N, C-alpha and C. Protein backbone atom coordinates (compact mmCIF):
# COMPACT_ATOMS: atom_id res chain seq x y z
N MET A 1 16.14 54.98 -79.73
CA MET A 1 15.52 53.89 -78.62
C MET A 1 15.65 52.19 -78.97
N ASN A 2 16.85 51.60 -78.18
CA ASN A 2 16.92 50.45 -78.32
C ASN A 2 15.67 49.53 -78.60
N ASP A 3 16.09 48.66 -79.88
CA ASP A 3 15.38 47.54 -79.76
C ASP A 3 14.83 46.34 -78.57
N ALA A 4 13.83 46.20 -78.66
CA ALA A 4 13.60 44.78 -77.58
C ALA A 4 14.07 43.53 -77.77
N ASP A 5 14.54 43.32 -76.50
CA ASP A 5 15.49 42.31 -76.84
C ASP A 5 14.64 41.24 -76.24
N PRO A 6 14.09 39.99 -76.57
CA PRO A 6 13.47 38.88 -76.18
C PRO A 6 14.04 38.20 -74.61
N GLN A 7 15.26 38.23 -74.89
CA GLN A 7 15.97 37.55 -73.77
C GLN A 7 16.53 39.08 -72.79
N GLU A 8 16.85 38.79 -71.39
CA GLU A 8 17.65 40.05 -71.22
C GLU A 8 18.86 39.33 -71.28
N GLN A 9 19.49 40.68 -71.20
CA GLN A 9 20.94 40.55 -71.55
C GLN A 9 21.49 39.96 -69.89
N GLY A 10 22.41 38.99 -70.72
CA GLY A 10 23.01 38.14 -69.49
C GLY A 10 22.33 36.81 -68.73
N LYS A 11 20.84 36.32 -68.86
CA LYS A 11 20.19 35.48 -68.50
C LYS A 11 20.45 34.28 -69.66
N ARG A 12 20.80 33.27 -68.57
CA ARG A 12 20.85 32.00 -69.44
C ARG A 12 19.40 31.46 -70.08
N VAL A 13 20.00 30.44 -71.15
CA VAL A 13 18.89 30.51 -71.88
C VAL A 13 18.88 28.59 -71.61
N GLY A 14 17.72 28.10 -71.30
CA GLY A 14 17.53 26.63 -71.41
C GLY A 14 17.78 26.43 -69.88
N LEU A 15 17.96 25.14 -69.69
CA LEU A 15 17.78 24.25 -68.10
C LEU A 15 19.48 24.84 -68.07
N HIS A 16 19.71 25.03 -66.54
CA HIS A 16 20.78 25.20 -66.00
C HIS A 16 21.57 23.97 -66.02
N PRO A 17 23.05 24.11 -66.39
CA PRO A 17 23.83 22.62 -66.51
C PRO A 17 24.37 22.20 -65.23
N ALA A 18 23.49 22.79 -63.97
CA ALA A 18 23.80 21.69 -62.87
C ALA A 18 22.71 20.61 -62.97
N ILE A 19 21.56 21.17 -63.22
CA ILE A 19 20.34 20.39 -63.15
C ILE A 19 20.43 19.56 -64.38
N VAL A 20 21.15 19.80 -65.28
CA VAL A 20 21.56 18.81 -66.36
C VAL A 20 22.42 17.43 -65.67
N ILE A 21 23.33 17.80 -65.59
CA ILE A 21 24.13 16.88 -64.84
C ILE A 21 23.45 16.19 -63.99
N PHE A 22 22.83 17.02 -63.08
CA PHE A 22 21.81 16.10 -61.70
C PHE A 22 21.49 15.06 -62.55
N GLY A 23 20.33 15.39 -63.53
CA GLY A 23 19.32 14.30 -63.83
C GLY A 23 19.98 13.23 -64.70
N VAL A 24 21.11 13.45 -65.39
CA VAL A 24 22.01 12.49 -65.78
C VAL A 24 22.44 11.26 -64.90
N ILE A 25 22.59 12.11 -63.81
CA ILE A 25 23.41 11.23 -62.66
C ILE A 25 21.97 10.43 -62.22
N ILE A 26 21.00 10.99 -61.65
CA ILE A 26 20.15 10.13 -61.46
C ILE A 26 19.35 9.07 -62.51
N GLY A 27 19.41 9.24 -63.57
CA GLY A 27 18.75 8.31 -64.68
C GLY A 27 20.17 7.28 -64.65
N LEU A 28 21.48 7.38 -64.36
CA LEU A 28 22.79 6.50 -64.73
C LEU A 28 22.18 5.30 -63.25
N TRP A 29 21.99 6.10 -62.12
CA TRP A 29 21.73 5.73 -60.81
C TRP A 29 20.60 4.40 -61.19
N LEU A 30 19.36 4.89 -61.77
CA LEU A 30 18.28 4.17 -61.64
C LEU A 30 18.27 3.35 -62.93
N PHE A 31 19.43 3.05 -63.72
CA PHE A 31 19.80 2.15 -64.66
C PHE A 31 20.48 0.99 -64.42
N ILE A 32 21.73 1.58 -63.45
CA ILE A 32 22.26 0.49 -62.77
C ILE A 32 21.49 -0.34 -61.54
N GLN A 33 20.68 0.32 -61.13
CA GLN A 33 19.84 -0.41 -60.14
C GLN A 33 18.50 -1.42 -61.29
N ALA A 34 18.22 -0.89 -62.05
CA ALA A 34 17.65 -1.77 -62.66
C ALA A 34 18.27 -2.80 -63.39
N ILE A 35 19.11 -2.90 -63.51
CA ILE A 35 20.06 -4.08 -64.49
C ILE A 35 20.85 -4.68 -63.07
N ILE A 36 21.29 -4.01 -62.63
CA ILE A 36 22.45 -5.15 -61.50
C ILE A 36 21.08 -5.52 -60.49
N PRO A 37 21.46 -6.82 -60.26
CA PRO A 37 20.99 -7.39 -58.92
C PRO A 37 21.41 -7.25 -57.49
N LYS A 38 20.67 -6.36 -56.31
CA LYS A 38 21.17 -6.29 -55.06
C LYS A 38 21.34 -7.72 -54.76
N SER A 39 22.93 -7.15 -53.86
CA SER A 39 23.69 -8.77 -52.96
C SER A 39 22.24 -8.93 -52.04
N LYS A 40 22.27 -8.69 -51.50
CA LYS A 40 20.93 -9.28 -50.41
C LYS A 40 19.37 -9.84 -51.43
N ASP A 41 19.42 -9.69 -52.63
CA ASP A 41 18.90 -11.14 -53.17
C ASP A 41 18.90 -11.91 -53.86
N ILE A 42 20.88 -12.14 -54.00
CA ILE A 42 21.41 -12.94 -54.09
C ILE A 42 21.64 -14.27 -53.23
N HIS A 43 21.03 -15.20 -53.66
CA HIS A 43 21.05 -16.54 -51.78
C HIS A 43 21.57 -17.40 -52.96
N PRO A 44 22.35 -18.24 -52.03
CA PRO A 44 23.06 -19.39 -52.18
C PRO A 44 22.50 -20.40 -52.87
N PRO A 45 22.46 -21.16 -53.74
CA PRO A 45 21.68 -22.51 -54.15
C PRO A 45 21.57 -23.53 -52.94
N GLN A 46 20.00 -23.74 -52.96
CA GLN A 46 19.51 -24.68 -51.54
C GLN A 46 19.50 -26.50 -52.38
N GLY A 47 19.42 -27.14 -51.12
CA GLY A 47 19.59 -28.24 -50.93
C GLY A 47 17.97 -28.64 -52.21
N ASN A 48 17.14 -27.98 -52.01
CA ASN A 48 15.74 -28.24 -52.77
C ASN A 48 15.66 -27.96 -54.63
N GLU A 49 16.83 -26.79 -54.55
CA GLU A 49 16.69 -26.12 -56.33
C GLU A 49 17.14 -27.25 -56.99
N ALA A 50 17.12 -26.91 -57.95
CA ALA A 50 17.84 -27.92 -59.18
C ALA A 50 19.56 -27.25 -58.99
N ARG A 51 20.04 -28.78 -59.25
CA ARG A 51 21.66 -28.74 -59.48
C ARG A 51 21.78 -27.90 -60.55
N SER A 52 23.32 -27.22 -60.14
CA SER A 52 23.70 -26.43 -61.96
C SER A 52 24.23 -27.34 -62.28
N GLU A 53 24.33 -27.17 -63.85
CA GLU A 53 25.04 -28.15 -64.99
C GLU A 53 26.22 -28.10 -64.41
N HIS A 54 27.01 -27.21 -63.87
CA HIS A 54 28.51 -27.57 -63.23
C HIS A 54 28.48 -28.69 -62.18
N LEU A 55 27.68 -28.24 -60.76
CA LEU A 55 27.58 -29.27 -59.88
C LEU A 55 27.16 -30.55 -60.29
N THR A 56 26.55 -30.72 -61.47
CA THR A 56 25.52 -32.32 -61.66
C THR A 56 26.75 -32.99 -62.35
N LEU A 57 27.97 -31.80 -63.20
CA LEU A 57 29.15 -32.75 -63.73
C LEU A 57 29.81 -33.41 -63.07
N LEU A 58 30.43 -32.24 -61.67
CA LEU A 58 31.08 -32.52 -60.80
C LEU A 58 30.88 -33.40 -59.84
N LEU A 59 29.42 -34.27 -59.76
CA LEU A 59 29.23 -35.31 -58.88
C LEU A 59 29.19 -36.25 -59.66
N LYS A 60 29.07 -36.49 -61.12
CA LYS A 60 28.97 -37.43 -61.97
C LYS A 60 30.85 -38.00 -62.04
N GLU A 61 31.77 -36.83 -61.95
CA GLU A 61 33.25 -37.26 -62.19
C GLU A 61 33.41 -37.59 -60.41
N ALA A 62 33.24 -37.27 -59.39
CA ALA A 62 33.42 -37.84 -58.00
C ALA A 62 33.24 -39.10 -57.98
N GLU A 63 31.77 -39.63 -58.69
CA GLU A 63 31.84 -41.47 -58.71
C GLU A 63 32.95 -41.82 -59.24
N SER A 64 33.57 -41.54 -60.29
CA SER A 64 34.83 -42.21 -60.72
C SER A 64 36.15 -41.66 -60.21
N THR A 65 36.34 -40.76 -59.46
CA THR A 65 37.79 -40.06 -59.27
C THR A 65 38.55 -40.32 -57.88
N PRO A 66 39.60 -41.10 -58.01
CA PRO A 66 40.19 -41.04 -56.45
C PRO A 66 39.93 -40.66 -55.50
N VAL A 67 39.74 -40.82 -53.93
CA VAL A 67 39.44 -39.96 -52.82
C VAL A 67 41.26 -39.28 -52.60
N PRO A 68 41.43 -38.21 -52.57
CA PRO A 68 42.86 -37.61 -52.43
C PRO A 68 43.15 -38.20 -50.99
N SER A 69 44.57 -38.23 -51.22
CA SER A 69 44.99 -38.50 -49.63
C SER A 69 44.35 -36.97 -48.88
N ILE A 70 44.65 -38.01 -47.12
CA ILE A 70 44.73 -36.87 -46.46
C ILE A 70 45.60 -36.36 -44.82
N LYS A 71 45.64 -35.25 -44.58
CA LYS A 71 46.68 -35.80 -43.47
C LYS A 71 45.43 -34.59 -42.58
N VAL A 72 45.71 -35.34 -41.29
CA VAL A 72 45.08 -34.69 -40.16
C VAL A 72 45.91 -33.55 -39.62
N THR A 73 45.51 -32.01 -39.65
CA THR A 73 46.18 -31.31 -39.36
C THR A 73 46.02 -30.35 -38.10
N ALA A 74 44.56 -30.70 -37.71
CA ALA A 74 44.21 -30.15 -36.12
C ALA A 74 42.91 -30.88 -35.98
N HIS A 75 42.82 -30.97 -34.88
CA HIS A 75 42.14 -31.45 -33.98
C HIS A 75 41.14 -31.05 -32.60
N VAL A 76 40.39 -29.89 -32.43
CA VAL A 76 39.96 -29.34 -31.17
C VAL A 76 38.73 -29.85 -30.68
N GLN A 77 39.08 -30.50 -30.07
CA GLN A 77 38.66 -31.70 -29.05
C GLN A 77 37.22 -30.76 -28.33
N GLY A 78 37.28 -29.58 -27.92
CA GLY A 78 36.32 -29.33 -27.33
C GLY A 78 35.07 -28.33 -28.33
N MET A 79 35.62 -28.57 -29.75
CA MET A 79 34.39 -28.60 -30.30
C MET A 79 34.08 -29.74 -31.68
N ASN A 80 34.51 -30.81 -31.04
CA ASN A 80 34.14 -31.68 -31.99
C ASN A 80 34.71 -31.06 -33.51
N ALA A 81 35.92 -31.01 -33.68
CA ALA A 81 36.03 -30.10 -34.84
C ALA A 81 37.44 -30.71 -35.55
N LEU A 82 37.98 -31.02 -36.81
CA LEU A 82 38.83 -31.66 -37.21
C LEU A 82 39.06 -30.67 -38.49
N SER A 83 40.63 -30.74 -38.74
CA SER A 83 41.10 -29.92 -40.12
C SER A 83 41.82 -31.23 -40.90
N LEU A 84 41.22 -31.22 -42.48
CA LEU A 84 42.16 -32.07 -43.08
C LEU A 84 42.99 -31.60 -44.03
N LEU A 85 43.93 -31.79 -44.64
CA LEU A 85 44.70 -30.93 -45.58
C LEU A 85 44.87 -32.19 -46.78
N VAL A 86 44.82 -31.62 -47.68
CA VAL A 86 44.49 -32.43 -49.31
C VAL A 86 45.33 -31.39 -49.84
N PRO A 87 46.19 -32.40 -50.74
CA PRO A 87 47.15 -31.83 -51.75
C PRO A 87 46.44 -30.83 -52.43
N GLN A 88 47.32 -29.32 -52.85
CA GLN A 88 47.33 -28.55 -53.26
C GLN A 88 46.53 -28.63 -54.44
N GLN A 89 46.88 -29.81 -55.31
CA GLN A 89 46.06 -29.66 -56.81
C GLN A 89 45.06 -30.27 -56.78
N THR A 90 44.10 -30.85 -55.27
CA THR A 90 43.29 -31.53 -55.60
C THR A 90 42.17 -30.24 -56.30
N THR A 91 41.36 -31.53 -56.94
CA THR A 91 40.58 -30.70 -57.45
C THR A 91 39.10 -30.75 -57.16
N ASP A 92 38.22 -30.16 -57.44
CA ASP A 92 36.79 -29.81 -56.45
C ASP A 92 36.45 -31.42 -56.55
N SER A 93 36.15 -31.87 -57.84
CA SER A 93 35.72 -33.29 -58.45
C SER A 93 36.19 -34.44 -56.99
N GLN A 94 37.69 -34.20 -56.40
CA GLN A 94 38.15 -35.16 -55.77
C GLN A 94 37.37 -34.47 -54.50
N VAL A 95 37.64 -32.96 -53.76
CA VAL A 95 37.18 -32.86 -52.56
C VAL A 95 35.61 -33.34 -52.23
N VAL A 96 34.96 -33.72 -53.26
CA VAL A 96 33.52 -34.29 -53.62
C VAL A 96 33.25 -35.98 -53.35
N ALA A 97 34.86 -36.66 -54.07
CA ALA A 97 34.85 -37.88 -53.72
C ALA A 97 34.93 -38.23 -51.90
N LEU A 98 35.90 -37.53 -51.64
CA LEU A 98 36.74 -37.55 -50.21
C LEU A 98 35.30 -36.92 -49.24
N LEU A 99 34.34 -36.32 -49.44
CA LEU A 99 33.54 -35.75 -48.41
C LEU A 99 32.51 -37.15 -48.56
N ASN A 100 31.93 -37.48 -49.83
CA ASN A 100 31.47 -38.74 -50.27
C ASN A 100 31.81 -39.97 -49.45
N HIS A 101 33.57 -40.07 -49.35
CA HIS A 101 33.50 -40.96 -48.82
C HIS A 101 33.68 -41.04 -47.34
N LEU A 102 33.68 -39.80 -46.81
CA LEU A 102 33.86 -39.49 -45.46
C LEU A 102 32.04 -39.86 -44.87
N LYS A 103 30.93 -39.38 -45.49
CA LYS A 103 30.01 -39.75 -45.40
C LYS A 103 29.76 -41.32 -45.19
N ARG A 104 30.01 -42.18 -46.17
CA ARG A 104 30.19 -43.63 -46.48
C ARG A 104 31.01 -44.57 -45.05
N SER A 105 32.01 -43.89 -44.75
CA SER A 105 32.88 -44.57 -43.91
C SER A 105 32.24 -44.34 -42.60
N ARG A 106 31.53 -42.83 -42.06
CA ARG A 106 31.06 -42.52 -40.91
C ARG A 106 29.62 -43.41 -41.43
N GLN A 107 28.69 -43.62 -42.05
CA GLN A 107 27.64 -44.77 -41.75
C GLN A 107 28.31 -46.32 -41.15
N ASP A 108 29.37 -46.59 -42.23
CA ASP A 108 29.57 -47.89 -41.90
C ASP A 108 30.23 -48.65 -40.38
N GLY A 109 30.91 -47.21 -40.08
CA GLY A 109 31.50 -47.30 -38.63
C GLY A 109 33.10 -47.51 -38.89
N SER A 110 33.76 -47.32 -40.18
CA SER A 110 34.89 -47.39 -40.11
C SER A 110 35.64 -46.03 -40.28
N LEU A 111 34.85 -44.85 -40.12
CA LEU A 111 35.38 -43.50 -40.22
C LEU A 111 36.88 -43.23 -39.04
N ALA A 112 36.13 -44.07 -37.75
CA ALA A 112 37.29 -43.61 -36.50
C ALA A 112 39.06 -44.17 -36.93
N SER A 113 38.97 -45.37 -37.65
CA SER A 113 39.92 -45.81 -37.85
C SER A 113 41.01 -45.21 -39.31
N GLN A 114 40.19 -43.69 -39.61
CA GLN A 114 41.16 -43.10 -40.47
C GLN A 114 41.31 -41.69 -40.20
N ILE A 115 40.84 -41.11 -39.07
CA ILE A 115 40.61 -40.26 -38.54
C ILE A 115 40.14 -40.11 -37.04
N PRO A 116 40.56 -38.93 -36.40
CA PRO A 116 39.84 -39.28 -34.83
C PRO A 116 38.87 -39.09 -34.79
N ALA A 117 38.09 -39.54 -33.80
CA ALA A 117 36.56 -39.38 -33.42
C ALA A 117 36.35 -38.17 -32.58
N THR A 118 35.68 -37.71 -32.87
CA THR A 118 35.12 -36.46 -32.50
C THR A 118 34.54 -36.90 -31.47
N THR A 119 33.86 -37.73 -31.00
CA THR A 119 33.06 -38.16 -30.03
C THR A 119 33.30 -39.36 -29.10
N PRO A 120 34.39 -40.03 -28.89
CA PRO A 120 34.92 -41.03 -28.65
C PRO A 120 33.88 -41.37 -27.34
N GLY A 121 33.51 -42.48 -27.29
CA GLY A 121 32.76 -43.28 -26.66
C GLY A 121 31.30 -42.79 -26.17
N ASN A 122 30.81 -42.24 -27.29
CA ASN A 122 29.35 -41.59 -27.69
C ASN A 122 28.74 -42.50 -27.48
N ASP A 123 27.65 -43.15 -27.20
CA ASP A 123 26.60 -44.07 -27.04
C ASP A 123 25.97 -43.72 -28.61
N ILE A 124 25.49 -42.63 -29.34
CA ILE A 124 25.30 -42.27 -30.65
C ILE A 124 26.32 -42.64 -31.75
N GLY A 125 27.20 -42.89 -31.38
CA GLY A 125 28.50 -42.89 -32.59
C GLY A 125 29.87 -42.15 -31.84
N GLU A 126 30.90 -42.50 -32.75
CA GLU A 126 32.02 -41.82 -32.97
C GLU A 126 32.22 -40.43 -33.07
N PHE A 127 31.13 -40.33 -34.36
CA PHE A 127 31.00 -38.87 -34.79
C PHE A 127 29.80 -38.50 -34.82
N ALA A 128 29.12 -38.34 -33.42
CA ALA A 128 27.69 -37.89 -33.56
C ALA A 128 27.57 -36.31 -33.22
N VAL A 129 28.71 -36.01 -32.92
CA VAL A 129 28.72 -33.88 -33.63
C VAL A 129 30.52 -34.19 -34.06
N ALA A 130 30.06 -33.58 -35.21
CA ALA A 130 31.46 -33.46 -35.73
C ALA A 130 31.70 -32.13 -37.23
N ASP A 131 32.62 -31.28 -37.00
CA ASP A 131 32.86 -30.46 -37.91
C ASP A 131 33.82 -30.79 -38.84
N ILE A 132 34.04 -31.36 -39.89
CA ILE A 132 35.14 -31.50 -40.66
C ILE A 132 35.45 -30.21 -41.78
N TYR A 133 36.35 -29.88 -41.73
CA TYR A 133 36.92 -28.61 -42.51
C TYR A 133 38.24 -29.52 -43.07
N ILE A 134 38.01 -29.25 -44.62
CA ILE A 134 39.17 -29.64 -45.87
C ILE A 134 39.82 -28.56 -46.10
N PHE A 135 41.44 -28.10 -46.40
CA PHE A 135 42.25 -27.40 -46.53
C PHE A 135 43.11 -27.79 -47.76
N SER A 136 43.58 -27.14 -48.38
CA SER A 136 44.29 -27.49 -49.18
C SER A 136 45.66 -27.14 -49.20
N ASP A 137 45.85 -25.64 -48.36
CA ASP A 137 46.50 -24.95 -48.03
C ASP A 137 46.81 -25.29 -46.39
N PRO A 138 48.15 -25.69 -46.49
CA PRO A 138 48.86 -25.97 -45.29
C PRO A 138 48.63 -24.89 -43.91
N LYS A 139 48.62 -23.75 -44.55
CA LYS A 139 48.76 -22.01 -43.70
C LYS A 139 47.78 -22.03 -43.17
N TYR A 140 46.37 -22.69 -43.64
CA TYR A 140 44.82 -22.44 -43.19
C TYR A 140 44.61 -23.85 -42.61
N ALA A 141 45.26 -24.57 -42.50
CA ALA A 141 44.79 -26.34 -41.79
C ALA A 141 45.27 -26.43 -40.55
N VAL A 142 44.93 -25.71 -39.55
CA VAL A 142 45.33 -24.85 -38.55
C VAL A 142 44.49 -24.96 -37.19
N PRO A 143 44.74 -25.33 -36.04
CA PRO A 143 43.65 -25.16 -34.85
C PRO A 143 43.36 -23.78 -35.23
N GLU A 144 43.57 -22.61 -35.25
CA GLU A 144 42.89 -21.36 -35.17
C GLU A 144 42.01 -21.19 -36.07
N ALA A 145 42.11 -21.81 -37.47
CA ALA A 145 41.38 -21.44 -38.28
C ALA A 145 39.99 -22.45 -37.94
N VAL A 146 40.37 -23.76 -37.43
CA VAL A 146 39.02 -24.65 -37.03
C VAL A 146 38.22 -23.77 -36.07
N GLU A 147 39.14 -23.29 -34.98
CA GLU A 147 38.26 -22.49 -33.88
C GLU A 147 37.59 -21.43 -34.06
N ILE A 148 38.09 -20.42 -35.28
CA ILE A 148 37.38 -19.37 -35.92
C ILE A 148 36.09 -19.66 -36.37
N LEU A 149 36.41 -20.76 -37.28
CA LEU A 149 34.71 -21.14 -38.16
C LEU A 149 34.58 -21.74 -37.41
N SER A 150 34.53 -22.48 -36.10
CA SER A 150 33.41 -23.32 -35.07
C SER A 150 32.48 -22.32 -34.54
N VAL A 151 33.20 -21.20 -34.08
CA VAL A 151 32.48 -20.53 -33.39
C VAL A 151 31.48 -19.40 -34.27
N GLY A 152 31.83 -19.32 -35.12
CA GLY A 152 30.87 -18.58 -36.25
C GLY A 152 31.31 -17.14 -36.17
N ALA A 153 30.43 -16.60 -37.31
CA ALA A 153 30.51 -15.26 -37.90
C ALA A 153 30.27 -14.22 -36.64
N HIS A 154 29.02 -15.02 -35.76
CA HIS A 154 28.25 -13.82 -34.88
C HIS A 154 29.28 -13.40 -33.37
N ALA A 155 30.49 -14.52 -33.41
CA ALA A 155 30.92 -14.65 -32.22
C ALA A 155 31.34 -12.81 -31.92
N PRO A 156 31.83 -12.63 -31.37
CA PRO A 156 32.31 -10.74 -31.17
C PRO A 156 34.11 -11.21 -31.45
N GLY A 157 34.90 -10.15 -32.07
CA GLY A 157 35.77 -9.91 -32.58
C GLY A 157 36.89 -10.48 -32.20
N ASP A 158 36.52 -10.54 -30.42
CA ASP A 158 37.82 -10.41 -29.98
C ASP A 158 37.77 -11.71 -28.84
N PHE A 159 36.89 -12.66 -29.07
CA PHE A 159 36.33 -13.70 -28.75
C PHE A 159 37.35 -14.83 -28.75
N TYR A 160 38.11 -14.87 -29.70
CA TYR A 160 39.37 -15.61 -29.89
C TYR A 160 40.66 -14.34 -30.67
N GLN A 161 41.29 -14.82 -30.15
CA GLN A 161 42.58 -13.74 -30.69
C GLN A 161 43.34 -14.41 -32.19
N SER A 162 42.63 -14.35 -32.54
CA SER A 162 42.94 -14.89 -34.10
C SER A 162 43.62 -13.68 -34.57
N THR A 163 44.82 -14.55 -35.35
CA THR A 163 45.40 -13.75 -36.88
C THR A 163 44.60 -13.95 -38.13
N ILE A 164 44.12 -14.91 -37.78
CA ILE A 164 42.94 -15.51 -39.10
C ILE A 164 41.59 -14.79 -38.88
N PRO A 165 41.43 -13.90 -39.75
CA PRO A 165 40.32 -13.53 -40.10
C PRO A 165 39.10 -14.45 -40.97
N TYR A 166 38.20 -14.84 -39.89
CA TYR A 166 36.65 -15.36 -40.13
C TYR A 166 36.70 -15.50 -42.08
N GLU A 167 36.44 -14.46 -42.32
CA GLU A 167 36.04 -14.40 -43.83
C GLU A 167 37.32 -15.05 -44.56
N ILE A 168 38.52 -14.85 -44.15
CA ILE A 168 39.52 -15.52 -44.89
C ILE A 168 39.80 -16.78 -44.89
N ALA A 169 39.41 -17.27 -43.38
CA ALA A 169 39.25 -18.53 -42.99
C ALA A 169 38.31 -19.25 -43.75
N MET A 170 37.13 -18.69 -44.17
CA MET A 170 35.70 -18.92 -44.51
C MET A 170 36.51 -19.70 -46.24
N GLU A 171 37.40 -18.56 -47.11
CA GLU A 171 37.63 -18.59 -48.31
C GLU A 171 38.32 -19.65 -48.49
N GLN A 172 39.09 -20.15 -47.65
CA GLN A 172 40.18 -21.31 -48.01
C GLN A 172 39.46 -22.90 -47.71
N VAL A 173 38.42 -22.70 -47.06
CA VAL A 173 37.63 -24.27 -46.81
C VAL A 173 37.45 -24.74 -48.47
N ARG A 174 37.80 -25.71 -48.49
CA ARG A 174 37.60 -26.67 -49.65
C ARG A 174 36.37 -27.07 -49.43
N GLY A 175 36.19 -27.72 -48.74
CA GLY A 175 34.61 -28.56 -48.43
C GLY A 175 34.63 -28.87 -46.81
N HIS A 176 33.28 -29.22 -46.65
CA HIS A 176 33.08 -28.81 -45.33
C HIS A 176 32.07 -29.93 -44.96
N TYR A 177 32.56 -31.02 -44.25
CA TYR A 177 31.41 -31.83 -43.68
C TYR A 177 31.04 -31.91 -42.02
N ALA A 178 29.75 -31.65 -41.55
CA ALA A 178 29.15 -32.01 -40.49
C ALA A 178 28.21 -32.75 -39.99
N VAL A 179 28.21 -33.42 -39.11
CA VAL A 179 27.26 -34.08 -38.57
C VAL A 179 26.54 -33.72 -37.23
N ASN A 180 25.43 -33.98 -36.77
CA ASN A 180 24.82 -33.58 -35.52
C ASN A 180 23.84 -34.69 -35.40
N LEU A 181 24.17 -36.01 -34.87
CA LEU A 181 22.78 -37.16 -35.03
C LEU A 181 21.97 -36.86 -34.23
N ASN A 182 22.03 -35.77 -33.67
CA ASN A 182 20.99 -35.49 -32.57
C ASN A 182 19.82 -34.51 -32.96
N GLN A 183 20.08 -34.38 -34.33
CA GLN A 183 19.04 -33.44 -35.22
C GLN A 183 18.95 -34.78 -36.06
N LYS A 184 17.72 -35.03 -36.07
CA LYS A 184 16.73 -36.23 -36.69
C LYS A 184 16.61 -35.94 -38.21
N ASN A 185 16.18 -34.42 -38.63
CA ASN A 185 15.56 -34.36 -39.99
C ASN A 185 17.04 -33.79 -40.86
N GLN A 186 18.30 -33.38 -40.53
CA GLN A 186 19.07 -33.55 -40.97
C GLN A 186 20.58 -33.89 -40.21
N PRO A 187 20.54 -35.11 -40.06
CA PRO A 187 21.67 -35.37 -39.20
C PRO A 187 23.24 -34.87 -39.96
N GLU A 188 23.54 -35.01 -40.99
CA GLU A 188 24.53 -34.62 -41.72
C GLU A 188 24.38 -33.71 -42.89
N HIS A 189 25.15 -32.91 -43.49
CA HIS A 189 25.51 -32.01 -44.76
C HIS A 189 27.02 -31.58 -45.01
N ALA A 190 26.97 -31.47 -46.08
CA ALA A 190 28.48 -31.53 -46.74
C ALA A 190 28.35 -30.60 -47.95
N SER A 191 29.32 -29.74 -48.03
CA SER A 191 29.35 -28.46 -49.29
C SER A 191 30.86 -28.40 -49.56
N LEU A 192 30.71 -28.09 -50.90
CA LEU A 192 32.06 -27.74 -51.57
C LEU A 192 31.81 -26.14 -50.81
N GLY A 193 33.75 -25.58 -50.70
CA GLY A 193 33.38 -24.39 -50.08
C GLY A 193 32.52 -24.63 -48.53
N PHE A 194 32.10 -23.38 -48.12
CA PHE A 194 31.59 -23.26 -46.64
C PHE A 194 30.54 -22.20 -46.79
N GLY A 195 29.34 -22.72 -45.88
CA GLY A 195 28.57 -21.64 -45.16
C GLY A 195 27.90 -22.03 -44.42
N GLU A 196 27.40 -20.68 -43.81
CA GLU A 196 26.71 -20.74 -42.18
C GLU A 196 25.10 -20.22 -42.62
N LYS A 197 24.26 -21.17 -42.67
CA LYS A 197 22.92 -21.17 -43.10
C LYS A 197 22.24 -19.97 -41.52
N ALA A 198 23.05 -19.84 -40.14
CA ALA A 198 22.34 -19.08 -39.05
C ALA A 198 22.95 -17.59 -39.94
N THR A 199 23.73 -17.39 -40.75
CA THR A 199 23.76 -16.20 -40.37
C THR A 199 23.97 -15.86 -41.65
N GLY A 200 23.84 -16.27 -42.70
CA GLY A 200 23.94 -16.24 -44.02
C GLY A 200 24.97 -15.61 -45.01
N LEU A 201 25.74 -16.13 -44.21
CA LEU A 201 27.62 -16.10 -45.07
C LEU A 201 28.08 -16.95 -45.78
N TYR A 202 28.01 -17.16 -46.77
CA TYR A 202 29.26 -18.27 -47.43
C TYR A 202 29.94 -18.16 -48.81
N SER A 203 30.89 -18.60 -48.97
CA SER A 203 32.25 -18.65 -49.21
C SER A 203 31.70 -18.50 -51.24
N ARG A 204 32.66 -18.16 -51.85
CA ARG A 204 32.13 -17.66 -53.04
C ARG A 204 32.35 -19.42 -54.15
N ARG A 205 33.01 -19.87 -53.75
CA ARG A 205 32.83 -21.63 -54.13
C ARG A 205 31.57 -22.69 -53.13
N TYR A 206 31.08 -22.03 -52.57
CA TYR A 206 29.60 -22.65 -51.62
C TYR A 206 29.14 -23.38 -53.07
N GLN A 207 28.59 -24.75 -52.44
CA GLN A 207 27.64 -25.65 -53.24
C GLN A 207 27.46 -26.41 -52.34
N PRO A 208 26.03 -26.66 -52.22
CA PRO A 208 25.75 -27.69 -51.16
C PRO A 208 25.70 -29.02 -51.90
N LEU A 209 25.73 -30.07 -51.25
CA LEU A 209 26.01 -31.63 -51.70
C LEU A 209 24.97 -32.29 -51.13
N PHE A 210 24.70 -32.78 -49.76
CA PHE A 210 23.87 -33.33 -49.41
C PHE A 210 23.45 -32.82 -48.17
């Protein structure tokens, strides 16, 4: 008579390997979710938030930084938009200095003597509505990029037969100065990089300035 075996012959002892592997995968997934923030919870810095140390330094440097030379490379009149090309070695503090210069020049009425007016003859001003995009790569400082950025990310993909995708053009913007004097609460704003509040799309270098 055979001795009684507490375990049936051929039967596995312990948890099935598939269950162990599945448990490990679930555990890792939960760990990753806990330590890595979701992209939808990452928001760009807003104007009423404390400025980052890096941006504070840039703003301070810009006060004594010479304004870089500019060249108007595109003027899309139907969209009240311009592109300005700066030298490729232009630093972020120089871009900030240029954006501040554009603002001062518009306010003192001298901007139309430096770049084409976007709303010539308008009762409110020569730049009553304007979108000015600053690039340092001449390949993107072209009407095509200005058009696709001005239309915005919400436009249908075939609205403009552009060979420059919106996402690429957006990342190439060094600075953006926008004016709409019809909006009394915020008639103008500027940023390093480029962002669209309406769609929540922002370039990697985006930082609001004013």
